[in-house]
């Protein structure tokens, strides 16, 4: 038997391990993009400004302000303003 010969069961096992590792890396990368570690920070002054705009009936302006300051999505910023 040559020194570099690999039997069929070993080749199948190696292929399975490499495939499983590749799938795991893809899943891990997708999860990292869904939950970024650098979450937006919301200051007290931003909350006060958004509350004032909401109280004045300017909800869209409050959402726009929150989006501009934090980088939140439209949906997340609207949810934030509605909960104020």
C-alpha atoms as a PDB file:
ATOM      1  CA  UNK A   1       0.000   0.000   0.000  1.00  0.00           C
ATOM      2  CA  UNK A   2       1.483   3.397  -0.980  1.00  0.00           C
ATOM      3  CA  UNK A   3       2.170   5.918   1.763  1.00  0.00           C
ATOM      4  CA  UNK A   4      -0.460   8.441   0.558  1.00  0.00           C
ATOM      5  CA  UNK A   5      -3.246   5.959  -0.126  1.00  0.00           C
ATOM      6  CA  UNK A   6      -6.501   6.732   1.696  1.00  0.00           C
ATOM      7  CA  UNK A   7      -9.150   4.086   2.049  1.00  0.00           C
ATOM      8  CA  UNK A   8     -12.718   4.781   0.922  1.00  0.00           C
ATOM      9  CA  UNK A   9     -14.250   4.873   4.448  1.00  0.00           C
ATOM     10  CA  UNK A  10     -11.587   7.350   5.572  1.00  0.00           C
ATOM     11  CA  UNK A  11     -12.209   9.536   2.534  1.00  0.00           C
ATOM     12  CA  UNK A  12     -15.955   9.567   3.269  1.00  0.00           C
ATOM     13  CA  UNK A  13     -15.315  10.493   6.905  1.00  0.00           C
ATOM     14  CA  UNK A  14     -12.942  13.308   5.987  1.00  0.00           C
ATOM     15  CA  UNK A  15     -15.413  14.654   3.421  1.00  0.00           C
ATOM     16  CA  UNK A  16     -18.225  14.569   5.997  1.00  0.00           C
ATOM     17  CA  UNK A  17     -16.150  16.450   8.576  1.00  0.00           C
ATOM     18  CA  UNK A  18     -15.060  19.123   6.095  1.00  0.00           C
ATOM     19  CA  UNK A  19     -18.640  19.567   4.853  1.00  0.00           C
ATOM     20  CA  UNK A  20     -19.997  19.862   8.409  1.00  0.00           C
ATOM     21  CA  UNK A  21     -17.331  22.454   9.265  1.00  0.00           C
ATOM     22  CA  UNK A  22     -18.174  24.498   6.164  1.00  0.00           C
ATOM     23  CA  UNK A  23     -21.897  24.445   6.992  1.00  0.00           C
ATOM     24  CA  UNK A  24     -21.177  25.464  10.584  1.00  0.00           C
ATOM     25  CA  UNK A  25     -19.035  28.400   9.414  1.00  0.00           C
ATOM     26  CA  UNK A  26     -21.781  29.604   7.063  1.00  0.00           C
ATOM     27  CA  UNK A  27     -24.404  29.436   9.829  1.00  0.00           C
ATOM     28  CA  UNK A  28     -22.073  31.262  12.227  1.00  0.00           C
ATOM     29  CA  UNK A  29     -21.424  34.029   9.683  1.00  0.00           C
ATOM     30  CA  UNK A  30     -25.151  34.504   9.055  1.00  0.00           C
ATOM     31  CA  UNK A  31     -25.859  34.778  12.778  1.00  0.00           C
ATOM     32  CA  UNK A  32     -23.142  37.405  13.183  1.00  0.00           C
ATOM     33  CA  UNK A  33     -24.672  39.551  10.457  1.00  0.00           C
ATOM     34  CA  UNK A  34     -28.119  39.326  12.055  1.00  0.00           C
ATOM     35  CA  UNK A  35     -26.927  40.364  15.520  1.00  0.00           C
ATOM     36  CA  UNK A  36     -24.184  42.941  15.176  1.00  0.00           C
ATOM     37  CA  UNK A  37     -22.118  43.488  18.290  1.00  0.00           C
ATOM     38  CA  UNK A  38     -21.972  47.262  17.860  1.00  0.00           C
ATOM     39  CA  UNK A  39     -25.510  48.055  18.879  1.00  0.00           C
ATOM     40  CA  UNK A  40     -26.633  51.672  18.707  1.00  0.00           C
ATOM     41  CA  UNK A  41     -26.245  53.664  21.873  1.00  0.00           C
ATOM     42  CA  UNK A  42     -29.156  55.841  22.852  1.00  0.00           C
ATOM     43  CA  UNK A  43     -28.393  58.898  24.955  1.00  0.00           C
ATOM     44  CA  UNK A  44     -30.756  60.446  27.467  1.00  0.00           C
ATOM     45  CA  UNK A  45     -30.885  63.666  25.444  1.00  0.00           C
ATOM     46  CA  UNK A  46     -31.977  61.713  22.355  1.00  0.00           C
ATOM     47  CA  UNK A  47     -34.775  60.099  24.347  1.00  0.00           C
ATOM     48  CA  UNK A  48     -35.869  63.513  25.634  1.00  0.00           C
ATOM     49  CA  UNK A  49     -35.840  65.015  22.138  1.00  0.00           C
ATOM     50  CA  UNK A  50     -37.821  62.090  20.718  1.00  0.00           C
ATOM     51  CA  UNK A  51     -40.357  62.351  23.560  1.00  0.00           C
ATOM     52  CA  UNK A  52     -40.829  66.067  22.897  1.00  0.00           C
ATOM     53  CA  UNK A  53     -41.387  65.453  19.194  1.00  0.00           C
ATOM     54  CA  UNK A  54     -43.843  62.651  19.915  1.00  0.00           C
ATOM     55  CA  UNK A  55     -45.750  64.810  22.413  1.00  0.00           C
ATOM     56  CA  UNK A  56     -45.987  67.535  19.755  1.00  0.00           C
ATOM     57  CA  UNK A  57     -47.512  65.019  17.342  1.00  0.00           C
ATOM     58  CA  UNK A  58     -44.417  64.818  15.159  1.00  0.00           C
ATOM     59  CA  UNK A  59     -43.941  61.068  15.304  1.00  0.00           C
ATOM     60  CA  UNK A  60     -42.306  60.740  11.893  1.00  0.00           C
ATOM     61  CA  UNK A  61     -39.782  63.428  12.798  1.00  0.00           C
ATOM     62  CA  UNK A  62     -39.003  61.592  16.046  1.00  0.00           C
ATOM     63  CA  UNK A  63     -38.455  58.358  14.106  1.00  0.00           C
ATOM     64  CA  UNK A  64     -36.239  60.210  11.635  1.00  0.00           C
ATOM     65  CA  UNK A  65     -34.215  61.691  14.496  1.00  0.00           C
ATOM     66  CA  UNK A  66     -33.719  58.307  16.162  1.00  0.00           C
ATOM     67  CA  UNK A  67     -32.718  56.709  12.868  1.00  0.00           C
ATOM     68  CA  UNK A  68     -30.216  59.450  12.131  1.00  0.00           C
ATOM     69  CA  UNK A  69     -28.580  59.330  15.536  1.00  0.00           C
ATOM     70  CA  UNK A  70     -28.451  55.563  16.042  1.00  0.00           C
ATOM     71  CA  UNK A  71     -28.516  53.976  12.592  1.00  0.00           C
ATOM     72  CA  UNK A  72     -31.579  51.907  13.509  1.00  0.00           C
ATOM     73  CA  UNK A  73     -33.864  50.591  10.814  1.00  0.00           C
ATOM     74  CA  UNK A  74     -37.187  52.326  10.134  1.00  0.00           C
ATOM     75  CA  UNK A  75     -39.081  49.563  11.888  1.00  0.00           C
ATOM     76  CA  UNK A  76     -36.851  49.511  14.976  1.00  0.00           C
ATOM     77  CA  UNK A  77     -36.874  53.298  15.317  1.00  0.00           C
ATOM     78  CA  UNK A  78     -40.672  53.436  14.966  1.00  0.00           C
ATOM     79  CA  UNK A  79     -41.024  50.736  17.594  1.00  0.00           C
ATOM     80  CA  UNK A  80     -38.688  52.676  19.897  1.00  0.00           C
ATOM     81  CA  UNK A  81     -40.593  55.941  19.470  1.00  0.00           C
ATOM     82  CA  UNK A  82     -43.968  54.240  19.982  1.00  0.00           C
ATOM     83  CA  UNK A  83     -42.758  52.822  23.293  1.00  0.00           C
ATOM     84  CA  UNK A  84     -41.750  56.243  24.637  1.00  0.00           C
END
